[in-house]
């Protein structure tokens, strides 16, 4: 079992940047792929980005491609989401979760964190 804790959210103006962190407990972190998701107000949970266990395979939703970067540091049991050129439509609660193999379907993910709020003002 892996426990995940997200941090780094906050209020930022449009065009600004934030870096989210997802810290994992447990010695098996490096065996998991990881994903970042978000839930905007009144909407479902959508995948934003994913990364495989070694960090050499990544995937991004079209809406964030070129602006967000997912990375991981297995020595620190942490996965990151660097978010640049933020837009008001990026406002959401952001979650991380584990996956065995990089996937785009939410049902493939487990061990969800509690989420961190990102608010982008116009």
PDB file of N, CA and C in Angstrom:
ATOM      1  N   UNK A   1       0.841  -1.184   0.000  1.00  0.00           N
ATOM      2  CA  UNK A   1       0.000   0.000   0.000  1.00  0.00           C
ATOM      3  C   UNK A   1       0.888   1.251   0.000  1.00  0.00           C
ATOM      4  N   UNK A   2       0.514   2.212  -0.828  1.00  0.00           N
ATOM      5  CA  UNK A   2       1.241   3.464  -0.931  1.00  0.00           C
ATOM      6  C   UNK A   2       0.304   4.583  -0.500  1.00  0.00           C
ATOM      7  N   UNK A   3       0.799   5.476   0.314  1.00  0.00           N
ATOM      8  CA  UNK A   3       0.030   6.664   0.698  1.00  0.00           C
ATOM      9  C   UNK A   3       0.639   7.879   0.024  1.00  0.00           C
ATOM     10  N   UNK A   4      -0.223   8.720  -0.527  1.00  0.00           N
ATOM     11  CA  UNK A   4       0.218   9.868  -1.306  1.00  0.00           C
ATOM     12  C   UNK A   4      -0.282  11.159  -0.678  1.00  0.00           C
ATOM     13  N   UNK A   5       0.584  12.172  -0.662  1.00  0.00           N
ATOM     14  CA  UNK A   5       0.218  13.484  -0.144  1.00  0.00           C
ATOM     15  C   UNK A   5       0.642  14.541  -1.148  1.00  0.00           C
ATOM     16  N   UNK A   6      -0.346  15.277  -1.668  1.00  0.00           N
ATOM     17  CA  UNK A   6      -0.065  16.342  -2.621  1.00  0.00           C
ATOM     18  C   UNK A   6       0.178  17.657  -1.894  1.00  0.00           C
ATOM     19  N   UNK A   7       0.981  18.514  -2.496  1.00  0.00           N
ATOM     20  CA  UNK A   7       1.222  19.854  -1.966  1.00  0.00           C
ATOM     21  C   UNK A   7       1.633  20.764  -3.108  1.00  0.00           C
ATOM     22  N   UNK A   8       1.676  22.071  -2.814  1.00  0.00           N
ATOM     23  CA  UNK A   8       2.154  23.025  -3.797  1.00  0.00           C
ATOM     24  C   UNK A   8       1.073  23.834  -4.484  1.00  0.00           C
ATOM     25  N   UNK A   9      -0.182  23.530  -4.193  1.00  0.00           N
ATOM     26  CA  UNK A   9      -1.254  24.304  -4.796  1.00  0.00           C
ATOM     27  C   UNK A   9      -1.324  25.708  -4.224  1.00  0.00           C
ATOM     28  N   UNK A  10      -2.166  26.529  -4.833  1.00  0.00           N
ATOM     29  CA  UNK A  10      -2.327  27.889  -4.352  1.00  0.00           C
ATOM     30  C   UNK A  10      -3.047  28.745  -5.354  1.00  0.00           C
ATOM     31  N   UNK A  11      -3.005  30.048  -5.102  1.00  0.00           N
ATOM     32  CA  UNK A  11      -3.637  31.036  -5.976  1.00  0.00           C
ATOM     33  C   UNK A  11      -2.547  31.714  -6.808  1.00  0.00           C
ATOM     34  N   UNK A  12      -2.764  31.759  -8.117  1.00  0.00           N
ATOM     35  CA  UNK A  12      -1.780  32.357  -9.014  1.00  0.00           C
ATOM     36  C   UNK A  12      -2.522  33.096 -10.120  1.00  0.00           C
ATOM     37  N   UNK A  13      -1.914  34.132 -10.642  1.00  0.00           N
ATOM     38  CA  UNK A  13      -2.511  34.858 -11.757  1.00  0.00           C
ATOM     39  C   UNK A  13      -2.303  34.107 -13.068  1.00  0.00           C
ATOM     40  N   UNK A  14      -3.178  34.357 -13.997  1.00  0.00           N
ATOM     41  CA  UNK A  14      -3.039  33.749 -15.326  1.00  0.00           C
ATOM     42  C   UNK A  14      -1.664  34.085 -15.899  1.00  0.00           C
ATOM     43  N   UNK A  15      -1.048  33.076 -16.501  1.00  0.00           N
ATOM     44  CA  UNK A  15       0.303  33.235 -17.026  1.00  0.00           C
ATOM     45  C   UNK A  15       1.388  32.837 -16.054  1.00  0.00           C
ATOM     46  N   UNK A  16       1.017  32.631 -14.817  1.00  0.00           N
ATOM     47  CA  UNK A  16       1.977  32.263 -13.789  1.00  0.00           C
ATOM     48  C   UNK A  16       2.284  30.775 -13.775  1.00  0.00           C
ATOM     49  N   UNK A  17       3.072  30.372 -12.779  1.00  0.00           N
ATOM     50  CA  UNK A  17       3.528  28.983 -12.666  1.00  0.00           C
ATOM     51  C   UNK A  17       3.354  28.471 -11.245  1.00  0.00           C
ATOM     52  N   UNK A  18       3.184  27.177 -11.148  1.00  0.00           N
ATOM     53  CA  UNK A  18       3.177  26.463  -9.867  1.00  0.00           C
ATOM     54  C   UNK A  18       3.842  25.117 -10.088  1.00  0.00           C
ATOM     55  N   UNK A  19       4.429  24.589  -9.031  1.00  0.00           N
ATOM     56  CA  UNK A  19       4.935  23.217  -9.073  1.00  0.00           C
ATOM     57  C   UNK A  19       4.265  22.419  -7.972  1.00  0.00           C
ATOM     58  N   UNK A  20       3.551  21.401  -8.376  1.00  0.00           N
ATOM     59  CA  UNK A  20       2.909  20.494  -7.433  1.00  0.00           C
ATOM     60  C   UNK A  20       3.854  19.340  -7.121  1.00  0.00           C
ATOM     61  N   UNK A  21       3.764  18.874  -5.888  1.00  0.00           N
ATOM     62  CA  UNK A  21       4.525  17.709  -5.463  1.00  0.00           C
ATOM     63  C   UNK A  21       3.575  16.657  -4.935  1.00  0.00           C
ATOM     64  N   UNK A  22       3.960  15.418  -5.120  1.00  0.00           N
ATOM     65  CA  UNK A  22       3.195  14.282  -4.589  1.00  0.00           C
ATOM     66  C   UNK A  22       4.205  13.366  -3.904  1.00  0.00           C
ATOM     67  N   UNK A  23       4.176  13.378  -2.585  1.00  0.00           N
ATOM     68  CA  UNK A  23       5.114  12.586  -1.804  1.00  0.00           C
ATOM     69  C   UNK A  23       4.470  11.248  -1.444  1.00  0.00           C
ATOM     70  N   UNK A  24       5.227  10.184  -1.647  1.00  0.00           N
ATOM     71  CA  UNK A  24       4.710   8.838  -1.412  1.00  0.00           C
ATOM     72  C   UNK A  24       5.423   8.180  -0.248  1.00  0.00           C
ATOM     73  N   UNK A  25       4.664   7.450   0.532  1.00  0.00           N
ATOM     74  CA  UNK A  25       5.254   6.623   1.573  1.00  0.00           C
ATOM     75  C   UNK A  25       5.415   5.211   1.025  1.00  0.00           C
ATOM     76  N   UNK A  26       6.296   4.432   1.626  1.00  0.00           N
ATOM     77  CA  UNK A  26       6.457   3.060   1.197  1.00  0.00           C
ATOM     78  C   UNK A  26       7.659   2.878   0.289  1.00  0.00           C
ATOM     79  N   UNK A  27       8.244   1.692   0.346  1.00  0.00           N
ATOM     80  CA  UNK A  27       9.469   1.422  -0.394  1.00  0.00           C
ATOM     81  C   UNK A  27       9.214   0.938  -1.813  1.00  0.00           C
ATOM     82  N   UNK A  28       7.936   0.821  -2.210  1.00  0.00           N
ATOM     83  CA  UNK A  28       7.635   0.315  -3.539  1.00  0.00           C
ATOM     84  C   UNK A  28       7.311   1.422  -4.530  1.00  0.00           C
ATOM     85  N   UNK A  29       7.510   2.676  -4.150  1.00  0.00           N
ATOM     86  CA  UNK A  29       7.146   3.806  -5.010  1.00  0.00           C
ATOM     87  C   UNK A  29       7.754   3.665  -6.390  1.00  0.00           C
ATOM     88  N   UNK A  30       9.030   3.291  -6.460  1.00  0.00           N
ATOM     89  CA  UNK A  30       9.724   3.261  -7.748  1.00  0.00           C
ATOM     90  C   UNK A  30       9.205   2.170  -8.674  1.00  0.00           C
ATOM     91  N   UNK A  31       8.359   1.287  -8.183  1.00  0.00           N
ATOM     92  CA  UNK A  31       7.809   0.247  -9.040  1.00  0.00           C
ATOM     93  C   UNK A  31       6.503   0.672  -9.704  1.00  0.00           C
ATOM     94  N   UNK A  32       5.978   1.833  -9.334  1.00  0.00           N
ATOM     95  CA  UNK A  32       4.706   2.311  -9.850  1.00  0.00           C
ATOM     96  C   UNK A  32       4.885   3.403 -10.892  1.00  0.00           C
ATOM     97  N   UNK A  33       4.007   3.395 -11.891  1.00  0.00           N
ATOM     98  CA  UNK A  33       3.794   4.592 -12.656  1.00  0.00           C
ATOM     99  C   UNK A  33       2.942   5.547 -11.831  1.00  0.00           C
ATOM    100  N   UNK A  34       2.888   6.813 -12.234  1.00  0.00           N
ATOM    101  CA  UNK A  34       2.137   7.813 -11.484  1.00  0.00           C
ATOM    102  C   UNK A  34       1.340   8.682 -12.437  1.00  0.00           C
ATOM    103  N   UNK A  35       0.238   9.174 -11.945  1.00  0.00           N
ATOM    104  CA  UNK A  35      -0.562  10.080 -12.750  1.00  0.00           C
ATOM    105  C   UNK A  35      -1.007  11.274 -11.939  1.00  0.00           C
ATOM    106  N   UNK A  36      -1.206  12.374 -12.635  1.00  0.00           N
ATOM    107  CA  UNK A  36      -1.830  13.568 -12.061  1.00  0.00           C
ATOM    108  C   UNK A  36      -3.203  13.737 -12.713  1.00  0.00           C
ATOM    109  N   UNK A  37      -4.173  14.030 -11.881  1.00  0.00           N
ATOM    110  CA  UNK A  37      -5.536  14.262 -12.327  1.00  0.00           C
ATOM    111  C   UNK A  37      -6.013  15.604 -11.777  1.00  0.00           C
ATOM    112  N   UNK A  38      -7.128  16.085 -12.316  1.00  0.00           N
ATOM    113  CA  UNK A  38      -7.736  17.277 -11.750  1.00  0.00           C
ATOM    114  C   UNK A  38      -9.256  17.193 -11.854  1.00  0.00           C
ATOM    115  N   UNK A  39      -9.891  17.837 -10.874  1.00  0.00           N
ATOM    116  CA  UNK A  39     -11.346  17.943 -10.879  1.00  0.00           C
ATOM    117  C   UNK A  39     -11.705  19.406 -10.784  1.00  0.00           C
ATOM    118  N   UNK A  40     -12.222  19.937 -11.887  1.00  0.00           N
ATOM    119  CA  UNK A  40     -12.670  21.328 -11.902  1.00  0.00           C
ATOM    120  C   UNK A  40     -14.043  21.421 -11.257  1.00  0.00           C
ATOM    121  N   UNK A  41     -14.426  22.598 -10.796  1.00  0.00           N
ATOM    122  CA  UNK A  41     -15.742  22.757 -10.159  1.00  0.00           C
ATOM    123  C   UNK A  41     -16.870  22.281 -11.065  1.00  0.00           C
ATOM    124  N   UNK A  42     -17.702  21.391 -10.537  1.00  0.00           N
ATOM    125  CA  UNK A  42     -18.844  20.910 -11.287  1.00  0.00           C
ATOM    126  C   UNK A  42     -18.533  19.894 -12.363  1.00  0.00           C
ATOM    127  N   UNK A  43     -17.291  19.400 -12.410  1.00  0.00           N
ATOM    128  CA  UNK A  43     -16.904  18.456 -13.455  1.00  0.00           C
ATOM    129  C   UNK A  43     -16.328  17.188 -12.851  1.00  0.00           C
ATOM    130  N   UNK A  44     -16.099  16.203 -13.696  1.00  0.00           N
ATOM    131  CA  UNK A  44     -15.507  14.951 -13.245  1.00  0.00           C
ATOM    132  C   UNK A  44     -13.998  15.047 -13.148  1.00  0.00           C
ATOM    133  N   UNK A  45     -13.385  13.947 -12.704  1.00  0.00           N
ATOM    134  CA  UNK A  45     -11.941  13.906 -12.541  1.00  0.00           C
ATOM    135  C   UNK A  45     -11.306  13.517 -13.869  1.00  0.00           C
ATOM    136  N   UNK A  46     -10.409  14.357 -14.384  1.00  0.00           N
ATOM    137  CA  UNK A  46      -9.767  14.122 -15.675  1.00  0.00           C
ATOM    138  C   UNK A  46      -8.267  13.923 -15.506  1.00  0.00           C
ATOM    139  N   UNK A  47      -7.714  13.060 -16.322  1.00  0.00           N
ATOM    140  CA  UNK A  47      -6.278  12.843 -16.273  1.00  0.00           C
ATOM    141  C   UNK A  47      -5.566  14.027 -16.925  1.00  0.00           C
ATOM    142  N   UNK A  48      -4.444  14.415 -16.328  1.00  0.00           N
ATOM    143  CA  UNK A  48      -3.651  15.540 -16.821  1.00  0.00           C
ATOM    144  C   UNK A  48      -2.339  15.045 -17.415  1.00  0.00           C
ATOM    145  N   UNK A  49      -1.650  14.169 -16.688  1.00  0.00           N
ATOM    146  CA  UNK A  49      -0.349  13.679 -17.128  1.00  0.00           C
ATOM    147  C   UNK A  49      -0.042  12.373 -16.420  1.00  0.00           C
ATOM    148  N   UNK A  50       0.838  11.598 -17.022  1.00  0.00           N
ATOM    149  CA  UNK A  50       1.250  10.333 -16.419  1.00  0.00           C
ATOM    150  C   UNK A  50       2.708  10.079 -16.736  1.00  0.00           C
ATOM    151  N   UNK A  51       3.343   9.268 -15.890  1.00  0.00           N
ATOM    152  CA  UNK A  51       4.759   8.969 -16.056  1.00  0.00           C
ATOM    153  C   UNK A  51       4.994   7.527 -15.625  1.00  0.00           C
ATOM    154  N   UNK A  52       5.900   6.844 -16.312  1.00  0.00           N
ATOM    155  CA  UNK A  52       6.159   5.457 -15.946  1.00  0.00           C
ATOM    156  C   UNK A  52       7.127   5.398 -14.770  1.00  0.00           C
ATOM    157  N   UNK A  53       7.455   4.184 -14.344  1.00  0.00           N
ATOM    158  CA  UNK A  53       8.220   4.016 -13.107  1.00  0.00           C
ATOM    159  C   UNK A  53       9.608   4.641 -13.187  1.00  0.00           C
ATOM    160  N   UNK A  54      10.219   4.628 -14.367  1.00  0.00           N
ATOM    161  CA  UNK A  54      11.590   5.124 -14.488  1.00  0.00           C
ATOM    162  C   UNK A  54      11.645   6.591 -14.910  1.00  0.00           C
ATOM    163  N   UNK A  55      10.534   7.131 -15.351  1.00  0.00           N
ATOM    164  CA  UNK A  55      10.510   8.534 -15.753  1.00  0.00           C
ATOM    165  C   UNK A  55      10.830   8.784 -17.205  1.00  0.00           C
ATOM    166  N   UNK A  56      11.037   7.734 -18.002  1.00  0.00           N
ATOM    167  CA  UNK A  56      11.414   7.950 -19.402  1.00  0.00           C
ATOM    168  C   UNK A  56      10.242   7.827 -20.360  1.00  0.00           C
ATOM    169  N   UNK A  57       9.055   7.682 -19.818  1.00  0.00           N
ATOM    170  CA  UNK A  57       7.852   7.626 -20.652  1.00  0.00           C
ATOM    171  C   UNK A  57       6.792   8.497 -20.003  1.00  0.00           C
ATOM    172  N   UNK A  58       6.365   9.524 -20.712  1.00  0.00           N
ATOM    173  CA  UNK A  58       5.358  10.435 -20.175  1.00  0.00           C
ATOM    174  C   UNK A  58       4.220  10.611 -21.165  1.00  0.00           C
ATOM    175  N   UNK A  59       3.092  11.041 -20.640  1.00  0.00           N
ATOM    176  CA  UNK A  59       1.905  11.306 -21.475  1.00  0.00           C
ATOM    177  C   UNK A  59       1.201  12.524 -20.916  1.00  0.00           C
ATOM    178  N   UNK A  60       0.623  13.335 -21.811  1.00  0.00           N
ATOM    179  CA  UNK A  60      -0.068  14.553 -21.395  1.00  0.00           C
ATOM    180  C   UNK A  60      -1.408  14.675 -22.106  1.00  0.00           C
ATOM    181  N   UNK A  61      -2.368  15.220 -21.392  1.00  0.00           N
ATOM    182  CA  UNK A  61      -3.624  15.586 -22.032  1.00  0.00           C
ATOM    183  C   UNK A  61      -3.359  16.753 -22.991  1.00  0.00           C
ATOM    184  N   UNK A  62      -4.120  16.802 -24.060  1.00  0.00           N
ATOM    185  CA  UNK A  62      -3.926  17.857 -25.055  1.00  0.00           C
ATOM    186  C   UNK A  62      -4.053  19.256 -24.437  1.00  0.00           C
ATOM    187  N   UNK A  63      -4.900  19.376 -23.442  1.00  0.00           N
ATOM    188  CA  UNK A  63      -5.163  20.689 -22.856  1.00  0.00           C
ATOM    189  C   UNK A  63      -3.974  21.268 -22.098  1.00  0.00           C
ATOM    190  N   UNK A  64      -3.002  20.418 -21.736  1.00  0.00           N
ATOM    191  CA  UNK A  64      -1.850  20.902 -20.961  1.00  0.00           C
ATOM    192  C   UNK A  64      -0.529  20.682 -21.681  1.00  0.00           C
ATOM    193  N   UNK A  65      -0.576  20.018 -22.821  1.00  0.00           N
ATOM    194  CA  UNK A  65       0.651  19.698 -23.548  1.00  0.00           C
ATOM    195  C   UNK A  65       1.407  20.979 -23.894  1.00  0.00           C
ATOM    196  N   UNK A  66       2.708  20.994 -23.612  1.00  0.00           N
ATOM    197  CA  UNK A  66       3.534  22.166 -23.866  1.00  0.00           C
ATOM    198  C   UNK A  66       3.566  23.154 -22.720  1.00  0.00           C
ATOM    199  N   UNK A  67       2.673  22.993 -21.744  1.00  0.00           N
ATOM    200  CA  UNK A  67       2.637  23.905 -20.587  1.00  0.00           C
ATOM    201  C   UNK A  67       2.991  23.195 -19.287  1.00  0.00           C
ATOM    202  N   UNK A  68       2.606  21.941 -19.158  1.00  0.00           N
ATOM    203  CA  UNK A  68       2.850  21.174 -17.932  1.00  0.00           C
ATOM    204  C   UNK A  68       3.942  20.135 -18.195  1.00  0.00           C
ATOM    205  N   UNK A  69       4.713  19.841 -17.143  1.00  0.00           N
ATOM    206  CA  UNK A  69       5.737  18.805 -17.230  1.00  0.00           C
ATOM    207  C   UNK A  69       5.668  17.923 -15.997  1.00  0.00           C
ATOM    208  N   UNK A  70       5.531  16.634 -16.216  1.00  0.00           N
ATOM    209  CA  UNK A  70       5.535  15.670 -15.123  1.00  0.00           C
ATOM    210  C   UNK A  70       6.932  15.078 -15.012  1.00  0.00           C
ATOM    211  N   UNK A  71       7.393  14.895 -13.777  1.00  0.00           N
ATOM    212  CA  UNK A  71       8.708  14.303 -13.540  1.00  0.00           C
ATOM    213  C   UNK A  71       8.660  13.576 -12.202  1.00  0.00           C
ATOM    214  N   UNK A  72       9.692  12.817 -11.914  1.00  0.00           N
ATOM    215  CA  UNK A  72       9.737  12.089 -10.656  1.00  0.00           C
ATOM    216  C   UNK A  72      11.166  11.965 -10.172  1.00  0.00           C
ATOM    217  N   UNK A  73      11.293  11.830  -8.863  1.00  0.00           N
ATOM    218  CA  UNK A  73      12.576  11.582  -8.214  1.00  0.00           C
ATOM    219  C   UNK A  73      12.374  10.373  -7.314  1.00  0.00           C
ATOM    220  N   UNK A  74      12.775   9.211  -7.785  1.00  0.00           N
ATOM    221  CA  UNK A  74      12.526   7.987  -7.024  1.00  0.00           C
ATOM    222  C   UNK A  74      13.329   7.950  -5.722  1.00  0.00           C
ATOM    223  N   UNK A  75      14.450   8.642  -5.683  1.00  0.00           N
ATOM    224  CA  UNK A  75      15.225   8.691  -4.444  1.00  0.00           C
ATOM    225  C   UNK A  75      14.480   9.451  -3.360  1.00  0.00           C
ATOM    226  N   UNK A  76      13.613  10.375  -3.772  1.00  0.00           N
ATOM    227  CA  UNK A  76      12.829  11.163  -2.821  1.00  0.00           C
ATOM    228  C   UNK A  76      11.384  10.690  -2.730  1.00  0.00           C
ATOM    229  N   UNK A  77      11.054   9.625  -3.440  1.00  0.00           N
ATOM    230  CA  UNK A  77       9.671   9.118  -3.438  1.00  0.00           C
ATOM    231  C   UNK A  77       8.665  10.217  -3.789  1.00  0.00           C
ATOM    232  N   UNK A  78       8.981  11.012  -4.786  1.00  0.00           N
ATOM    233  CA  UNK A  78       8.152  12.167  -5.118  1.00  0.00           C
ATOM    234  C   UNK A  78       7.962  12.292  -6.627  1.00  0.00           C
ATOM    235  N   UNK A  79       6.754  12.650  -7.006  1.00  0.00           N
ATOM    236  CA  UNK A  79       6.463  12.986  -8.392  1.00  0.00           C
ATOM    237  C   UNK A  79       6.012  14.447  -8.428  1.00  0.00           C
ATOM    238  N   UNK A  80       6.379  15.128  -9.491  1.00  0.00           N
ATOM    239  CA  UNK A  80       6.126  16.569  -9.598  1.00  0.00           C
ATOM    240  C   UNK A  80       5.255  16.865 -10.815  1.00  0.00           C
ATOM    241  N   UNK A  81       4.584  18.000 -10.752  1.00  0.00           N
ATOM    242  CA  UNK A  81       3.887  18.540 -11.914  1.00  0.00           C
ATOM    243  C   UNK A  81       4.226  20.018 -11.997  1.00  0.00           C
ATOM    244  N   UNK A  82       5.099  20.357 -12.932  1.00  0.00           N
ATOM    245  CA  UNK A  82       5.437  21.751 -13.173  1.00  0.00           C
ATOM    246  C   UNK A  82       4.393  22.328 -14.118  1.00  0.00           C
ATOM    247  N   UNK A  83       3.735  23.385 -13.687  1.00  0.00           N
ATOM    248  CA  UNK A  83       2.654  23.988 -14.457  1.00  0.00           C
ATOM    249  C   UNK A  83       3.035  25.419 -14.818  1.00  0.00           C
ATOM    250  N   UNK A  84       3.196  25.670 -16.097  1.00  0.00           N
ATOM    251  CA  UNK A  84       3.550  27.004 -16.592  1.00  0.00           C
ATOM    252  C   UNK A  84       2.417  27.554 -17.443  1.00  0.00           C
ATOM    253  N   UNK A  85       2.458  28.846 -17.672  1.00  0.00           N
ATOM    254  CA  UNK A  85       1.455  29.517 -18.513  1.00  0.00           C
ATOM    255  C   UNK A  85       0.043  29.129 -18.086  1.00  0.00           C
ATOM    256  N   UNK A  86      -0.196  29.210 -16.802  1.00  0.00           N
ATOM    257  CA  UNK A  86      -1.481  28.775 -16.264  1.00  0.00           C
ATOM    258  C   UNK A  86      -2.626  29.637 -16.767  1.00  0.00           C
ATOM    259  N   UNK A  87      -3.767  28.990 -16.933  1.00  0.00           N
ATOM    260  CA  UNK A  87      -4.976  29.639 -17.435  1.00  0.00           C
ATOM    261  C   UNK A  87      -6.091  29.478 -16.399  1.00  0.00           C
ATOM    262  N   UNK A  88      -7.076  30.362 -16.409  1.00  0.00           N
ATOM    263  CA  UNK A  88      -8.194  30.205 -15.461  1.00  0.00           C
ATOM    264  C   UNK A  88      -8.858  28.833 -15.564  1.00  0.00           C
ATOM    265  N   UNK A  89      -8.886  28.244 -16.737  1.00  0.00           N
ATOM    266  CA  UNK A  89      -9.511  26.925 -16.892  1.00  0.00           C
ATOM    267  C   UNK A  89      -8.683  25.797 -16.287  1.00  0.00           C
ATOM    268  N   UNK A  90      -7.487  26.094 -15.809  1.00  0.00           N
ATOM    269  CA  UNK A  90      -6.692  25.099 -15.076  1.00  0.00           C
ATOM    270  C   UNK A  90      -7.115  25.022 -13.605  1.00  0.00           C
ATOM    271  N   UNK A  91      -7.989  25.914 -13.185  1.00  0.00           N
ATOM    272  CA  UNK A  91      -8.465  25.905 -11.803  1.00  0.00           C
ATOM    273  C   UNK A  91      -9.153  24.587 -11.489  1.00  0.00           C
ATOM    274  N   UNK A  92      -8.677  23.919 -10.449  1.00  0.00           N
ATOM    275  CA  UNK A  92      -9.198  22.595 -10.095  1.00  0.00           C
ATOM    276  C   UNK A  92      -8.498  22.104  -8.834  1.00  0.00           C
ATOM    277  N   UNK A  93      -9.017  21.020  -8.296  1.00  0.00           N
ATOM    278  CA  UNK A  93      -8.287  20.264  -7.285  1.00  0.00           C
ATOM    279  C   UNK A  93      -7.457  19.223  -8.037  1.00  0.00           C
ATOM    280  N   UNK A  94      -6.170  19.185  -7.732  1.00  0.00           N
ATOM    281  CA  UNK A  94      -5.250  18.279  -8.418  1.00  0.00           C
ATOM    282  C   UNK A  94      -4.903  17.107  -7.504  1.00  0.00           C
ATOM    283  N   UNK A  95      -4.957  15.914  -8.074  1.00  0.00           N
ATOM    284  CA  UNK A  95      -4.707  14.679  -7.348  1.00  0.00           C
ATOM    285  C   UNK A  95      -3.602  13.877  -8.031  1.00  0.00           C
ATOM    286  N   UNK A  96      -2.880  13.100  -7.241  1.00  0.00           N
ATOM    287  CA  UNK A  96      -1.966  12.119  -7.820  1.00  0.00           C
ATOM    288  C   UNK A  96      -2.438  10.721  -7.440  1.00  0.00           C
ATOM    289  N   UNK A  97      -1.994   9.755  -8.199  1.00  0.00           N
ATOM    290  CA  UNK A  97      -2.391   8.366  -7.963  1.00  0.00           C
ATOM    291  C   UNK A  97      -1.356   7.447  -8.606  1.00  0.00           C
ATOM    292  N   UNK A  98      -1.355   6.212  -8.177  1.00  0.00           N
ATOM    293  CA  UNK A  98      -0.417   5.226  -8.705  1.00  0.00           C
ATOM    294  C   UNK A  98      -1.067   4.388  -9.797  1.00  0.00           C
ATOM    295  N   UNK A  99      -0.230   3.825 -10.652  1.00  0.00           N
ATOM    296  CA  UNK A  99      -0.697   2.936 -11.712  1.00  0.00           C
ATOM    297  C   UNK A  99       0.410   1.934 -12.017  1.00  0.00           C
ATOM    298  N   UNK A 100       0.028   0.720 -12.411  1.00  0.00           N
ATOM    299  CA  UNK A 100       1.053  -0.278 -12.743  1.00  0.00           C
ATOM    300  C   UNK A 100       1.740   0.066 -14.054  1.00  0.00           C
ATOM    301  N   UNK A 101       0.947   0.410 -15.046  1.00  0.00           N
ATOM    302  CA  UNK A 101       1.494   0.794 -16.338  1.00  0.00           C
ATOM    303  C   UNK A 101       0.791   2.069 -16.779  1.00  0.00           C
ATOM    304  N   UNK A 102       1.514   2.969 -17.414  1.00  0.00           N
ATOM    305  CA  UNK A 102       0.944   4.255 -17.812  1.00  0.00           C
ATOM    306  C   UNK A 102      -0.344   4.031 -18.589  1.00  0.00           C
ATOM    307  N   UNK A 103      -1.400   4.669 -18.131  1.00  0.00           N
ATOM    308  CA  UNK A 103      -2.715   4.489 -18.744  1.00  0.00           C
ATOM    309  C   UNK A 103      -3.468   5.809 -18.723  1.00  0.00           C
ATOM    310  N   UNK A 104      -4.480   5.904 -19.583  1.00  0.00           N
ATOM    311  CA  UNK A 104      -5.283   7.114 -19.665  1.00  0.00           C
ATOM    312  C   UNK A 104      -6.622   6.968 -18.975  1.00  0.00           C
ATOM    313  N   UNK A 105      -6.917   5.769 -18.520  1.00  0.00           N
ATOM    314  CA  UNK A 105      -8.230   5.526 -17.912  1.00  0.00           C
ATOM    315  C   UNK A 105      -8.126   5.605 -16.401  1.00  0.00           C
ATOM    316  N   UNK A 106      -9.045   6.340 -15.806  1.00  0.00           N
ATOM    317  CA  UNK A 106      -9.002   6.579 -14.371  1.00  0.00           C
ATOM    318  C   UNK A 106      -9.112   5.286 -13.573  1.00  0.00           C
ATOM    319  N   UNK A 107      -9.812   4.291 -14.106  1.00  0.00           N
ATOM    320  CA  UNK A 107      -9.995   3.041 -13.370  1.00  0.00           C
ATOM    321  C   UNK A 107      -8.694   2.272 -13.175  1.00  0.00           C
ATOM    322  N   UNK A 108      -7.653   2.623 -13.922  1.00  0.00           N
ATOM    323  CA  UNK A 108      -6.366   1.942 -13.789  1.00  0.00           C
ATOM    324  C   UNK A 108      -5.573   2.449 -12.588  1.00  0.00           C
ATOM    325  N   UNK A 109      -6.009   3.554 -11.984  1.00  0.00           N
ATOM    326  CA  UNK A 109      -5.244   4.227 -10.939  1.00  0.00           C
ATOM    327  C   UNK A 109      -5.781   3.902  -9.550  1.00  0.00           C
ATOM    328  N   UNK A 110      -4.880   3.983  -8.563  1.00  0.00           N
ATOM    329  CA  UNK A 110      -5.238   3.664  -7.194  1.00  0.00           C
ATOM    330  C   UNK A 110      -4.420   4.519  -6.230  1.00  0.00           C
ATOM    331  N   UNK A 111      -4.680   4.325  -4.952  1.00  0.00           N
ATOM    332  CA  UNK A 111      -3.926   5.000  -3.882  1.00  0.00           C
ATOM    333  C   UNK A 111      -3.983   6.525  -4.015  1.00  0.00           C
ATOM    334  N   UNK A 112      -5.170   7.054  -4.177  1.00  0.00           N
ATOM    335  CA  UNK A 112      -5.353   8.484  -4.417  1.00  0.00           C
ATOM    336  C   UNK A 112      -4.945   9.317  -3.208  1.00  0.00           C
ATOM    337  N   UNK A 113      -4.317  10.478  -3.506  1.00  0.00           N
ATOM    338  CA  UNK A 113      -4.053  11.456  -2.469  1.00  0.00           C
ATOM    339  C   UNK A 113      -5.299  12.268  -2.173  1.00  0.00           C
ATOM    340  N   UNK A 114      -5.170  13.226  -1.255  1.00  0.00           N
ATOM    341  CA  UNK A 114      -6.320  14.019  -0.827  1.00  0.00           C
ATOM    342  C   UNK A 114      -6.559  15.222  -1.729  1.00  0.00           C
ATOM    343  N   UNK A 115      -5.592  15.555  -2.549  1.00  0.00           N
ATOM    344  CA  UNK A 115      -5.734  16.654  -3.490  1.00  0.00           C
ATOM    345  C   UNK A 115      -5.177  17.966  -2.971  1.00  0.00           C
ATOM    346  N   UNK A 116      -4.842  18.852  -3.909  1.00  0.00           N
ATOM    347  CA  UNK A 116      -4.379  20.196  -3.580  1.00  0.00           C
ATOM    348  C   UNK A 116      -5.058  21.172  -4.541  1.00  0.00           C
ATOM    349  N   UNK A 117      -5.547  22.276  -4.001  1.00  0.00           N
ATOM    350  CA  UNK A 117      -6.326  23.225  -4.782  1.00  0.00           C
ATOM    351  C   UNK A 117      -5.411  24.157  -5.559  1.00  0.00           C
ATOM    352  N   UNK A 118      -5.704  24.297  -6.843  1.00  0.00           N
ATOM    353  CA  UNK A 118      -5.027  25.274  -7.698  1.00  0.00           C
ATOM    354  C   UNK A 118      -6.090  26.235  -8.218  1.00  0.00           C
ATOM    355  N   UNK A 119      -5.885  27.518  -7.983  1.00  0.00           N
ATOM    356  CA  UNK A 119      -6.812  28.538  -8.454  1.00  0.00           C
ATOM    357  C   UNK A 119      -6.041  29.545  -9.297  1.00  0.00           C
ATOM    358  N   UNK A 120      -6.493  29.735 -10.527  1.00  0.00           N
ATOM    359  CA  UNK A 120      -5.845  30.658 -11.448  1.00  0.00           C
ATOM    360  C   UNK A 120      -6.799  31.816 -11.706  1.00  0.00           C
ATOM    361  N   UNK A 121      -6.381  33.002 -11.338  1.00  0.00           N
ATOM    362  CA  UNK A 121      -7.227  34.183 -11.525  1.00  0.00           C
ATOM    363  C   UNK A 121      -6.924  34.852 -12.858  1.00  0.00           C
ATOM    364  N   UNK A 122      -7.967  35.445 -13.430  1.00  0.00           N
ATOM    365  CA  UNK A 122      -7.785  36.092 -14.739  1.00  0.00           C
ATOM    366  C   UNK A 122      -7.371  37.548 -14.587  1.00  0.00           C
TER     367      UNK A 122
END
